[in-house]
Amino acid sequence: MLVYAVQFAFLLFSLSLLLNMWRLVKGPHLPDRILALDTIYINSLALLLLFGIQEGTSAYFEAALMIAMLGFVGTVAAAKFLMRGDIIE
């Protein structure tokens, strides 16, 4: 039963990733594109976690943690650049 749930989650997160890619390309404003990038890394993180569950190894969970930290820092830097015009004051 877990195999079917993981495959269904793969399908849904892949669909969500494609829709986020569409928003990244089609987004009318820069904040929409930054939000799309943020959700793209979250969806790819979820796909990586699902792959780790499917394979039964913990190496993918550690990689997902690194992606989460780098994605958070990248989102904060992009938002700060959007609001102030520079990242480092």
Protein backbone atom coordinates (compact mmCIF):
# COMPACT_ATOMS: atom_id res chain seq x y z
CA MET A 1 0.00 0.00 0.00
CA LEU A 2 2.90 2.37 0.73
CA VAL A 3 4.26 1.79 -2.77
CA TYR A 4 1.03 3.08 -4.34
CA ALA A 5 0.91 6.09 -2.02
CA VAL A 6 4.50 7.05 -2.87
CA GLN A 7 3.84 6.68 -6.60
CA PHE A 8 0.68 8.80 -6.34
CA ALA A 9 2.61 11.46 -4.42
CA PHE A 10 5.34 11.37 -7.11
CA LEU A 11 2.68 12.03 -9.72
CA LEU A 12 1.11 14.93 -7.83
CA PHE A 13 4.40 16.62 -6.95
CA SER A 14 5.61 16.23 -10.53
CA LEU A 15 2.44 17.88 -11.79
CA SER A 16 2.89 20.66 -9.26
CA LEU A 17 6.49 21.12 -10.40
CA LEU A 18 5.35 21.50 -14.01
CA LEU A 19 2.73 24.07 -13.02
CA ASN A 20 5.37 26.01 -11.08
CA MET A 21 7.64 26.00 -14.12
CA TRP A 22 4.75 27.46 -16.12
CA ARG A 23 4.30 30.21 -13.51
CA LEU A 24 8.03 30.92 -13.62
CA VAL A 25 7.92 31.47 -17.38
CA LYS A 26 4.50 33.12 -17.57
CA GLY A 27 4.56 35.13 -14.31
CA PRO A 28 3.48 38.70 -14.96
CA HIS A 29 5.65 40.24 -12.22
CA LEU A 30 8.98 39.56 -10.54
CA PRO A 31 7.45 38.59 -7.15
CA ASP A 32 5.42 35.90 -8.93
CA ARG A 33 8.60 34.48 -10.41
CA ILE A 34 10.41 34.53 -7.06
CA LEU A 35 7.48 32.72 -5.46
CA ALA A 36 7.53 30.18 -8.29
CA LEU A 37 11.25 29.53 -7.68
CA ASP A 38 10.54 29.09 -3.98
CA THR A 39 7.83 26.52 -4.60
CA ILE A 40 9.97 24.77 -7.23
CA TYR A 41 12.66 24.07 -4.68
CA ILE A 42 10.05 22.93 -2.14
CA ASN A 43 8.50 20.54 -4.66
CA SER A 44 11.89 19.18 -5.71
CA LEU A 45 12.68 18.72 -2.03
CA ALA A 46 9.49 16.70 -1.60
CA LEU A 47 10.34 14.58 -4.64
CA LEU A 48 13.77 13.89 -3.18
CA LEU A 49 12.23 12.86 0.14
CA LEU A 50 9.79 10.56 -1.62
CA PHE A 51 12.66 8.99 -3.54
CA GLY A 52 14.47 8.44 -0.24
CA ILE A 53 11.38 6.72 1.18
CA GLN A 54 11.08 4.54 -1.92
CA GLU A 55 14.75 3.52 -1.86
CA GLY A 56 14.90 3.14 1.91
CA THR A 57 18.12 5.09 2.44
CA SER A 58 18.86 8.13 4.57
CA ALA A 59 21.33 9.79 2.18
CA TYR A 60 18.51 11.52 0.32
CA PHE A 61 17.16 13.01 3.54
CA GLU A 62 20.50 14.67 4.25
CA ALA A 63 20.60 16.07 0.72
CA ALA A 64 17.05 17.35 1.17
CA LEU A 65 18.10 19.16 4.34
CA MET A 66 20.92 20.91 2.49
CA ILE A 67 18.58 21.92 -0.34
CA ALA A 68 16.11 23.31 2.21
CA MET A 69 18.76 25.46 3.87
CA LEU A 70 20.13 26.80 0.60
CA GLY A 71 16.64 27.42 -0.76
CA PHE A 72 15.65 29.42 2.30
CA VAL A 73 18.76 31.60 2.09
CA GLY A 74 18.19 32.12 -1.64
CA THR A 75 14.57 33.15 -1.13
CA VAL A 76 15.50 35.62 1.61
CA ALA A 77 18.27 37.11 -0.55
CA ALA A 78 15.93 37.48 -3.55
CA ALA A 79 13.22 39.10 -1.42
CA LYS A 80 15.73 41.50 0.13
CA PHE A 81 17.07 42.42 -3.30
CA LEU A 82 13.53 42.99 -4.54
CA MET A 83 12.65 45.26 -1.61
CA ARG A 84 15.89 47.26 -1.21
CA GLY A 85 17.80 46.96 -4.46
CA ASP A 86 20.91 45.37 -2.90
CA ILE A 87 21.61 42.36 -0.74
CA ILE A 88 24.56 43.50 1.37
CA GLU A 89 24.43 46.90 2.99
